[in-house]
Each structure stands twice: as structure tokens, then as C-alpha cells.
Amino acid sequence: MSKGVLLVNLGSPDSTSVSDVRKYLREFLMDGRVLDVAWPLRAFIVGMILIKRPKQSAHAYRGIWTPEGSPLIVISRRVQAALQQRLAAPVELAMRYQNPSIPDAVRSLRAQGVNELFLIPLFPHYAMSSYETAVERVKAVASRLAPQMRVEIQPPYGDAPDYIAALVGSAGEFLDKGFDHLLLSFHGVPERHLRKSDPTGGHCLAAPDCCQVASPAHATCYRAQCFKTAAAFVARAGIPPEKFSVSFQSRLGKNPWLKPYTDFVLAELPGRGIRKLRVICPAFVSDCLETLEEIGMRGRETFLSAGGKDFAQIPCLNGHPLWIAALENMAKRFLGG
């Protein structure tokens, strides 16, 4: 048996051209696990979004693009290369949307003789619009292109000690300089996604403290897993309860998403006497549009315009040695040795 590892992140446009951004957004938004409505309605909604959004998003991408390309892709490739140096088994990288593609990665692994695949979704928490769609896409592609390939999947790891240690280690230099408040901003999801992912059919969002009450629903509950990450992080970093809070960013549309909303919180914090703010985004392992532009640029402007004085977005794990070590440990549990 020959084993291999596949890292999968969300994806990025191939360039900052409006046409490439439109192509990316169309693939992303037409995913039924992202915009979970009937296909005809989804096609109509996406058609409306694609009238103006590609131009707006292309402008935002230009603000973060590097000479090497999309930060998400560039960083993910570096992570792949660093992990490959530590493992004898082949390591491939793919994006759920656009390039490098999942079919190309599976073909490459198949050509290298891999028939046992370990999939590491680069999403620490379970959400149908990120972790689940990546897993299901890889399984479908492998079944079609390499039917003899067995796929094993890394479970969500948002409170795993290695991941938390990497988060704390990567944030250390920012937290050591002092701050009034730390905001842990997680990517948001529609509230209905939590209910759809709830195997009990009645736990998630049924009560204000649902995430603190033990339930089988937590295995697939994004919100509960985010709170576990936050609790583990502040405990390890030694941050007292009065110096941190949790929020959710990147909402789309008018339906209710997880609250509180990050942009609202950023505007409110200065009114509470918060002048020196640090923001960390633990749902993202690689810096991308949502961290660099949404938080690092627009979020900064919101906070400073409201009266804040000192703002810093703590970079994602990116290529931090402790994160590479965490990925290595995940892989070696599958590979052996």
C-alpha cells in the first residue's frame, strides 16, 4: 500500500481580473453547501450577485495581491513544501474552488502510486460551507478518478493541543507587547447551516447556552467548535475573560448569520474605552482576502474611525514552524512513524 497526503484549502481567483474573479465567485457561490437553496433560486441569486460583486472583489484582491500571486495560494504552497520536507510520502495541495484543482491533485497522487490518501482540510472547524464541501468533493473526485484509492479524513482540530499551541506561538509577539482587548474573529456562517448540520435536529441555537451543553451536535457544530478554540486559546495564552471577546465576520445577504458581527464589534469597542486592539482570525490557517483586506484594512479603518488608537491584525498561522509540526503530527498518525 502506498500512502499520500492531500491538503485542501478554499481557493482564490487565478488573477485579479474581473473575469477571473467572476469565474471564482460563480463556482464558489453555486456550491449547494455554500448557498444552500434550490438550484433555480441559487442560479438567480448568483446571477444577481455577479452583476456588481466581481468588480468590487477584484478591487479588494488587488489590494492584497503579491508579485507571486494570491496570498492564500502562495502561503499554502509554502506550507505544502515545508510539510513535504518532513514526510517521505507525497504531499499534494488543492483548492476546493479553482486552482490548483482537486482533480489534478488526485491524478498526481494516483500517478505516484498512492492508493491510501490522508486528507487534511485546512479548516480547523466543521462547517458545511468549508470543511464538509471540501471533504465531499475530494471523496467524489477520488471515487471517479481513482476508485481503488481509500480516503481517510482528518477530523476537525479546532481545540487540538498542537493547533492551539501553534496559534498561541504565532500570536505571542503581538500579545507580549500589550493590548486593551483581543478580538477572536471567526468566519461567519448562516444560522440555518448550524441547524442543517445538527444530527439531533433540535440542539443547535435552541437555547442561548447550547454550545456549553454537551451534545452529539457539537461534532458538526461550527459555533461550538469556535467557542472551544477561543476557550483553549485564551487559557493557554493566559488572557483573562475581561480582555477578550468572540465575533463572526464575512456575512453575505440578509438572512441571520452567527452573531455578534465583527464589523459591528469593531465600531463599538472604542466606545467601551478600548484603544489598543488586537484581532486574531483562528478559522483561517493562511492569510487571505478575509484577513488581510476585510480585517487588516477595512476592519482597521472601522476601529480607528470610531476612536481606536492602535490596531493590529495578528497574522494567520501561515508557515509558522509550530503549525508545520502540527500538520506533520496529523500526517504521521496516518502514515505511521
Protein backbone atom coordinates (compact mmCIF):
# COMPACT_ATOMS: atom_id res chain seq x y z
CA MET A 1 0.00 0.00 0.00
CA SER A 2 1.30 3.46 -0.92
CA LYS A 3 0.18 6.41 1.17
CA GLY A 4 -0.08 10.10 0.36
CA VAL A 5 -1.31 13.36 1.89
CA LEU A 6 -3.61 15.96 0.40
CA LEU A 7 -4.01 19.46 1.85
CA VAL A 8 -7.16 21.29 0.75
CA ASN A 9 -7.91 24.96 1.26
CA LEU A 10 -10.79 27.08 -0.03
CA GLY A 11 -9.37 28.76 -3.12
CA SER A 12 -8.75 32.04 -4.86
CA PRO A 13 -9.19 33.63 -8.28
CA ASP A 14 -6.37 32.92 -10.72
CA SER A 15 -5.77 36.66 -11.07
CA THR A 16 -7.27 40.00 -10.06
CA SER A 17 -9.02 40.42 -13.41
CA VAL A 18 -12.77 40.87 -13.16
CA SER A 19 -13.32 37.84 -15.40
CA ASP A 20 -11.21 35.55 -13.19
CA VAL A 21 -12.88 36.86 -10.04
CA ARG A 22 -16.30 36.29 -11.61
CA LYS A 23 -15.31 32.73 -12.52
CA TYR A 24 -14.17 32.05 -8.96
CA LEU A 25 -17.26 33.58 -7.37
CA ARG A 26 -19.57 31.65 -9.68
CA GLU A 27 -18.01 28.31 -8.75
CA PHE A 28 -17.95 29.20 -5.06
CA LEU A 29 -21.49 30.54 -4.80
CA MET A 30 -23.05 27.83 -6.97
CA ASP A 31 -21.89 25.21 -4.46
CA GLY A 32 -25.07 23.94 -2.80
CA ARG A 33 -23.26 23.71 0.55
CA VAL A 34 -22.40 27.41 0.38
CA LEU A 35 -25.64 28.85 -0.95
CA ASP A 36 -28.00 26.10 0.19
CA VAL A 37 -31.18 26.84 -1.74
CA ALA A 38 -32.81 25.07 -4.69
CA TRP A 39 -30.72 25.23 -7.87
CA PRO A 40 -33.04 27.56 -9.85
CA LEU A 41 -33.16 30.07 -6.99
CA ARG A 42 -29.43 29.70 -6.40
CA ALA A 43 -28.72 30.39 -10.07
CA PHE A 44 -30.90 33.50 -9.94
CA ILE A 45 -29.28 34.82 -6.76
CA VAL A 46 -25.78 34.17 -8.03
CA GLY A 47 -26.64 35.84 -11.33
CA MET A 48 -27.67 38.96 -9.42
CA ILE A 49 -24.53 38.88 -7.26
CA LEU A 50 -22.29 38.53 -10.30
CA ILE A 51 -23.52 41.79 -11.79
CA LYS A 52 -21.52 44.01 -9.41
CA ARG A 53 -19.62 41.83 -6.94
CA PRO A 54 -16.78 40.68 -9.28
CA LYS A 55 -15.65 44.26 -9.90
CA GLN A 56 -15.80 45.09 -6.19
CA SER A 57 -13.97 41.91 -5.20
CA ALA A 58 -11.34 42.36 -7.91
CA HIS A 59 -10.55 45.78 -6.43
CA ALA A 60 -10.22 44.21 -2.98
CA TYR A 61 -7.96 41.42 -4.27
CA ARG A 62 -5.67 43.97 -5.92
CA GLY A 63 -5.08 45.46 -2.50
CA ILE A 64 -3.56 42.25 -1.14
CA TRP A 65 -2.11 40.55 -4.25
CA THR A 66 1.59 39.74 -4.15
CA PRO A 67 4.12 39.54 -7.00
CA GLU A 68 3.86 35.74 -6.68
CA GLY A 69 0.06 35.78 -6.82
CA SER A 70 -2.78 35.22 -4.36
CA PRO A 71 -1.55 35.22 -0.74
CA LEU A 72 -3.72 32.20 0.04
CA ILE A 73 -2.21 30.15 -2.79
CA VAL A 74 1.36 31.33 -2.22
CA ILE A 75 1.22 30.60 1.51
CA SER A 76 -0.49 27.24 1.01
CA ARG A 77 2.19 26.17 -1.47
CA ARG A 78 4.89 27.09 1.04
CA VAL A 79 3.12 25.04 3.70
CA GLN A 80 2.91 22.11 1.30
CA ALA A 81 6.64 22.37 0.53
CA ALA A 82 7.55 22.61 4.23
CA LEU A 83 5.44 19.59 5.09
CA GLN A 84 6.86 17.63 2.15
CA GLN A 85 10.35 18.16 3.55
CA ARG A 86 9.29 16.41 6.74
CA LEU A 87 7.47 13.45 5.17
CA ALA A 88 8.60 10.63 2.90
CA ALA A 89 5.10 10.25 1.45
CA PRO A 90 3.98 12.57 -1.37
CA VAL A 91 2.13 15.73 -0.31
CA GLU A 92 -0.21 17.47 -2.74
CA LEU A 93 -2.14 20.71 -2.44
CA ALA A 94 -5.56 21.54 -3.86
CA MET A 95 -8.22 24.21 -3.57
CA ARG A 96 -11.91 23.47 -3.28
CA TYR A 97 -12.52 26.10 -5.96
CA GLN A 98 -10.27 26.93 -8.92
CA ASN A 99 -6.56 26.10 -8.92
CA PRO A 100 -4.62 24.04 -8.05
CA SER A 101 -7.61 21.77 -8.55
CA ILE A 102 -8.68 18.69 -6.65
CA PRO A 103 -8.86 16.54 -9.82
CA ASP A 104 -5.28 17.48 -10.73
CA ALA A 105 -4.07 16.64 -7.21
CA VAL A 106 -5.82 13.26 -7.22
CA ARG A 107 -4.39 12.45 -10.66
CA SER A 108 -0.91 13.35 -9.45
CA LEU A 109 -1.22 11.15 -6.37
CA ARG A 110 -2.61 8.31 -8.48
CA ALA A 111 0.34 8.62 -10.88
CA GLN A 112 2.68 8.32 -7.88
CA GLY A 113 1.03 5.05 -6.94
CA VAL A 114 -0.93 6.34 -3.96
CA ASN A 115 -3.89 4.16 -3.02
CA GLU A 116 -4.32 5.33 0.58
CA LEU A 117 -4.96 9.04 0.86
CA PHE A 118 -4.96 11.14 4.01
CA LEU A 119 -6.98 14.32 3.52
CA ILE A 120 -6.23 17.29 5.78
CA PRO A 121 -8.84 20.01 5.25
CA LEU A 122 -7.19 23.32 6.06
CA PHE A 123 -10.26 24.29 8.07
CA PRO A 124 -9.95 23.71 11.83
CA HIS A 125 -13.72 23.69 12.38
CA TYR A 126 -16.60 21.78 10.84
CA ALA A 127 -18.84 23.85 8.58
CA MET A 128 -20.85 22.62 5.63
CA SER A 129 -19.59 25.56 3.54
CA SER A 130 -15.88 24.82 4.11
CA TYR A 131 -14.82 21.56 5.78
CA GLU A 132 -17.78 19.48 4.57
CA THR A 133 -17.77 20.66 0.97
CA ALA A 134 -14.01 20.06 0.69
CA VAL A 135 -14.31 16.54 2.10
CA GLU A 136 -17.24 15.58 -0.09
CA ARG A 137 -15.60 16.98 -3.22
CA VAL A 138 -12.38 15.03 -2.62
CA LYS A 139 -14.34 11.83 -1.99
CA ALA A 140 -16.36 12.30 -5.17
CA VAL A 141 -13.32 13.07 -7.32
CA ALA A 142 -11.30 10.17 -5.87
CA SER A 143 -14.22 7.79 -6.46
CA ARG A 144 -14.34 8.85 -10.11
CA LEU A 145 -10.64 9.18 -10.94
CA ALA A 146 -9.08 6.65 -8.57
CA PRO A 147 -11.78 4.22 -7.41
CA GLN A 148 -9.24 1.98 -5.68
CA MET A 149 -7.93 4.88 -3.56
CA ARG A 150 -9.05 4.76 0.07
CA VAL A 151 -9.59 8.20 1.60
CA GLU A 152 -9.10 8.84 5.31
CA ILE A 153 -10.03 12.25 6.69
CA GLN A 154 -8.53 14.37 9.46
CA PRO A 155 -11.37 15.31 11.84
CA PRO A 156 -11.84 18.96 12.84
CA TYR A 157 -8.99 20.05 15.09
CA GLY A 158 -10.02 23.46 16.42
CA ASP A 159 -9.20 22.57 20.03
CA ALA A 160 -6.36 20.10 19.38
CA PRO A 161 -3.34 20.87 21.58
CA ASP A 162 -0.93 21.12 18.62
CA TYR A 163 -3.16 23.58 16.79
CA ILE A 164 -3.73 25.72 19.91
CA ALA A 165 0.00 25.71 20.67
CA ALA A 166 0.68 26.92 17.14
CA LEU A 167 -1.93 29.68 17.45
CA VAL A 168 -0.52 30.90 20.74
CA GLY A 169 3.04 30.67 19.45
CA SER A 170 2.25 32.64 16.32
CA ALA A 171 0.40 35.35 18.27
CA GLY A 172 2.97 35.67 21.05
CA GLU A 173 4.94 38.66 19.76
CA PHE A 174 1.73 40.67 19.26
CA LEU A 175 0.23 39.81 22.64
CA ASP A 176 3.50 40.32 24.53
CA LYS A 177 3.55 44.00 23.54
CA GLY A 178 0.35 44.59 25.49
CA PHE A 179 -3.21 45.33 24.44
CA ASP A 180 -6.51 46.52 25.84
CA HIS A 181 -8.58 43.82 24.16
CA LEU A 182 -8.21 40.75 21.96
CA LEU A 183 -10.97 40.02 19.46
CA LEU A 184 -11.15 36.47 18.13
CA SER A 185 -12.93 36.91 14.80
CA PHE A 186 -14.13 33.69 13.18
CA HIS A 187 -15.60 33.38 9.71
CA GLY A 188 -19.36 33.56 9.94
CA VAL A 189 -21.94 31.10 8.61
CA PRO A 190 -25.72 31.40 8.25
CA GLU A 191 -27.59 30.24 11.34
CA ARG A 192 -29.55 27.80 9.17
CA HIS A 193 -26.29 25.96 8.38
CA LEU A 194 -25.93 25.07 12.05
CA ARG A 195 -29.45 23.70 12.16
CA LYS A 196 -28.91 21.70 8.97
CA SER A 197 -25.71 20.18 10.37
CA ASP A 198 -27.30 19.30 13.72
CA PRO A 199 -27.80 15.49 13.78
CA THR A 200 -30.12 15.77 16.79
CA GLY A 201 -32.45 18.08 14.91
CA GLY A 202 -33.07 20.27 17.93
CA HIS A 203 -29.95 21.29 19.83
CA CYS A 204 -28.13 23.99 17.87
CA LEU A 205 -29.39 27.53 18.58
CA ALA A 206 -32.31 26.14 20.59
CA ALA A 207 -31.05 27.90 23.74
CA PRO A 208 -28.56 30.72 24.43
CA ASP A 209 -26.15 28.30 26.13
CA CYS A 210 -26.48 25.45 23.60
CA CYS A 211 -22.73 25.43 22.89
CA GLN A 212 -21.97 24.95 26.61
CA VAL A 213 -24.36 21.99 26.98
CA ALA A 214 -22.80 18.68 25.94
CA SER A 215 -24.42 17.21 22.83
CA PRO A 216 -23.61 14.95 19.87
CA ALA A 217 -24.41 18.03 17.77
CA HIS A 218 -21.06 19.55 18.68
CA ALA A 219 -19.21 17.13 16.39
CA THR A 220 -20.60 19.08 13.44
CA CYS A 221 -21.40 22.41 15.11
CA TYR A 222 -19.22 25.21 13.80
CA ARG A 223 -20.22 27.66 16.55
CA ALA A 224 -19.50 25.24 19.41
CA GLN A 225 -16.12 24.37 17.91
CA CYS A 226 -15.21 28.06 17.52
CA PHE A 227 -16.02 28.69 21.18
CA LYS A 228 -13.84 25.71 22.14
CA THR A 229 -10.96 27.19 20.13
CA ALA A 230 -11.39 30.55 21.83
CA ALA A 231 -11.52 29.00 25.31
CA ALA A 232 -8.45 26.83 24.70
CA PHE A 233 -6.51 29.74 23.19
CA VAL A 234 -7.11 32.25 25.99
CA ALA A 235 -6.48 29.60 28.64
CA ARG A 236 -3.10 28.72 27.13
CA ALA A 237 -2.20 32.36 26.44
CA GLY A 238 -3.26 33.44 29.94
CA ILE A 239 -5.76 36.06 28.79
CA PRO A 240 -8.40 36.98 31.42
CA PRO A 241 -12.11 36.91 30.49
CA GLU A 242 -12.50 40.68 30.55
CA LYS A 243 -9.77 41.16 27.90
CA PHE A 244 -11.20 39.12 25.01
CA SER A 245 -14.37 38.51 23.05
CA VAL A 246 -15.55 36.42 20.09
CA SER A 247 -17.21 37.64 16.89
CA PHE A 248 -18.04 36.41 13.38
CA GLN A 249 -17.14 38.09 10.09
CA SER A 250 -17.77 37.90 6.33
CA ARG A 251 -21.55 37.60 6.28
CA LEU A 252 -23.36 37.67 2.94
CA GLY A 253 -27.01 38.50 2.31
CA LYS A 254 -29.82 39.48 4.65
CA ASN A 255 -30.53 36.20 6.43
CA PRO A 256 -29.24 35.93 10.03
CA TRP A 257 -25.65 34.78 10.42
CA LEU A 258 -23.78 33.96 13.60
CA LYS A 259 -23.52 36.93 15.94
CA PRO A 260 -22.03 39.20 17.09
CA TYR A 261 -20.89 40.59 13.75
CA THR A 262 -17.22 41.58 13.67
CA ASP A 263 -17.75 44.89 11.88
CA PHE A 264 -20.32 45.95 14.49
CA VAL A 265 -17.99 44.96 17.34
CA LEU A 266 -15.07 46.88 15.83
CA ALA A 267 -17.20 50.01 15.70
CA GLU A 268 -18.42 49.56 19.29
CA LEU A 269 -15.18 48.72 21.12
CA PRO A 270 -13.75 52.27 21.26
CA GLY A 271 -16.94 53.40 23.00
CA ARG A 272 -16.09 50.94 25.76
CA GLY A 273 -12.69 52.53 26.28
CA ILE A 274 -10.76 50.07 24.10
CA ARG A 275 -7.91 51.92 22.43
CA LYS A 276 -5.33 49.20 21.74
CA LEU A 277 -6.90 46.28 19.90
CA ARG A 278 -5.52 43.01 18.58
CA VAL A 279 -7.57 40.81 16.25
CA ILE A 280 -6.85 37.15 15.51
CA CYS A 281 -8.76 35.03 12.99
CA PRO A 282 -8.47 31.38 14.11
CA ALA A 283 -10.82 29.97 11.45
CA PHE A 284 -8.21 30.76 8.79
CA VAL A 285 -4.84 28.99 8.72
CA SER A 286 -3.50 31.13 5.85
CA ASP A 287 -3.85 34.86 5.35
CA CYS A 288 -6.29 35.72 2.60
CA LEU A 289 -8.80 38.34 1.48
CA GLU A 290 -10.89 37.90 4.63
CA THR A 291 -7.96 38.53 6.97
CA LEU A 292 -5.71 40.92 5.06
CA GLU A 293 -8.37 43.11 3.46
CA GLU A 294 -11.56 42.64 5.48
CA ILE A 295 -9.85 42.79 8.88
CA GLY A 296 -6.42 44.28 8.24
CA MET A 297 -7.69 47.13 6.04
CA ARG A 298 -11.43 47.72 6.39
CA GLY A 299 -11.58 46.48 9.98
CA ARG A 300 -8.69 48.74 10.94
CA GLU A 301 -10.44 51.73 9.37
CA THR A 302 -13.68 50.94 11.20
CA PHE A 303 -11.94 50.71 14.58
CA LEU A 304 -9.77 53.82 14.15
CA SER A 305 -12.65 55.88 12.75
CA ALA A 306 -14.68 55.00 15.85
CA GLY A 307 -11.97 56.37 18.14
CA GLY A 308 -9.50 53.50 18.50
CA LYS A 309 -5.80 54.36 18.50
CA ASP A 310 -3.80 51.15 17.99
CA PHE A 311 -4.98 48.25 15.80
CA ALA A 312 -3.16 45.11 14.69
CA GLN A 313 -4.38 42.06 12.81
CA ILE A 314 -2.39 39.08 14.08
CA PRO A 315 -1.25 37.08 11.04
CA CYS A 316 -2.64 33.60 10.49
CA LEU A 317 -0.55 30.50 11.16
CA ASN A 318 0.80 30.64 7.59
CA GLY A 319 4.15 28.85 7.64
CA HIS A 320 4.83 29.03 11.39
CA PRO A 321 7.05 26.12 12.48
CA LEU A 322 4.58 25.01 15.14
CA TRP A 323 1.82 24.80 12.52
CA ILE A 324 4.00 22.74 10.19
CA ALA A 325 4.80 20.49 13.14
CA ALA A 326 1.08 20.12 13.90
CA LEU A 327 0.40 19.09 10.28
CA GLU A 328 3.33 16.68 10.44
CA ASN A 329 1.90 15.04 13.56
CA MET A 330 -1.52 14.69 11.90
CA ALA A 331 0.04 13.08 8.85
CA LYS A 332 2.31 10.75 10.80
CA ARG A 333 -0.60 9.34 12.77
CA PHE A 334 -1.91 8.17 9.41
CA LEU A 335 1.41 7.32 7.78
CA GLY A 336 2.95 5.70 10.83
CA GLY A 337 6.32 6.55 12.29
